[in-house]
Amino acid sequence: MTPYSVIVRRRGIPALEVRLLVRASSKPAAGELAATLAERRHGGLFEPRRVRRALVHAEAVFDAA
């Protein structure tokens, strides 16, 4: 599992951008996971805008698994 920094954006009005740090096996999986987490927390329909590999310390990453 690799840490990714993901920016997701809510469609519609009001638009909202959220940055999340997630661990996933691939970039597409990280985008889907971040969108799902944002939808649960903020409501609405989110889509991944930017997915980048994150360089973080292992202690800073929350692993839900």
Protein backbone atom coordinates (compact mmCIF):
# COMPACT_ATOMS: atom_id res chain seq x y z
CA MET A 1 0.00 0.00 0.00
CA THR A 2 1.35 3.37 -1.04
CA PRO A 3 0.36 6.75 0.45
CA TYR A 4 -1.30 9.18 -1.97
CA SER A 5 -2.30 12.81 -1.62
CA VAL A 6 -5.66 13.26 -3.32
CA ILE A 7 -7.65 16.41 -4.08
CA VAL A 8 -11.34 15.73 -4.64
CA ARG A 9 -13.99 18.21 -5.73
CA ARG A 10 -17.71 18.17 -5.05
CA ARG A 11 -19.87 18.67 -8.09
CA GLY A 12 -22.69 21.17 -7.96
CA ILE A 13 -23.29 24.20 -5.85
CA PRO A 14 -21.62 24.96 -3.53
CA ALA A 15 -18.46 23.46 -4.94
CA LEU A 16 -15.94 22.20 -2.38
CA GLU A 17 -12.36 20.96 -2.69
CA VAL A 18 -10.91 18.62 -0.08
CA ARG A 19 -7.38 17.22 0.21
CA LEU A 20 -7.03 13.76 1.72
CA LEU A 21 -4.11 11.49 2.49
CA VAL A 22 -4.95 7.84 1.82
CA ARG A 23 -3.16 4.53 1.36
CA ALA A 24 -4.07 2.47 -1.68
CA SER A 25 -2.63 -0.06 -4.10
CA SER A 26 -2.89 2.26 -7.15
CA LYS A 27 -3.68 5.84 -8.18
CA PRO A 28 -7.21 5.02 -9.42
CA ALA A 29 -7.97 3.16 -6.18
CA ALA A 30 -6.70 6.14 -4.15
CA GLY A 31 -8.96 8.51 -6.09
CA GLU A 32 -12.02 6.32 -5.55
CA LEU A 33 -11.28 5.88 -1.85
CA ALA A 34 -10.79 9.61 -1.30
CA ALA A 35 -14.01 10.44 -3.18
CA THR A 36 -15.96 7.93 -1.10
CA LEU A 37 -14.56 9.28 2.17
CA ALA A 38 -15.36 12.87 1.19
CA GLU A 39 -18.91 11.91 0.17
CA ARG A 40 -19.52 10.26 3.55
CA ARG A 41 -18.19 13.23 5.48
CA HIS A 42 -19.49 16.18 3.45
CA GLY A 43 -22.36 14.78 1.40
CA GLY A 44 -22.78 15.26 -2.32
CA LEU A 45 -20.94 13.68 -5.23
CA PHE A 46 -17.14 14.04 -5.28
CA GLU A 47 -14.70 13.26 -8.07
CA PRO A 48 -10.90 12.98 -7.84
CA ARG A 49 -9.13 15.98 -9.40
CA ARG A 50 -5.46 15.26 -8.64
CA VAL A 51 -3.80 12.13 -7.31
CA ARG A 52 -0.13 12.26 -6.39
CA ARG A 53 2.14 9.93 -4.55
CA ALA A 54 2.72 11.35 -1.07
CA LEU A 55 6.07 11.43 0.67
CA VAL A 56 5.17 11.11 4.34
CA HIS A 57 6.44 9.42 7.44
CA ALA A 58 4.86 6.05 8.16
CA GLU A 59 3.58 7.29 11.55
CA ALA A 60 1.57 10.10 9.91
CA VAL A 61 -0.56 7.82 7.72
CA PHE A 62 -3.86 6.51 9.02
CA ASP A 63 -4.47 2.97 7.87
CA ALA A 64 -8.09 1.91 8.14
CA ALA A 65 -7.26 -1.71 7.31
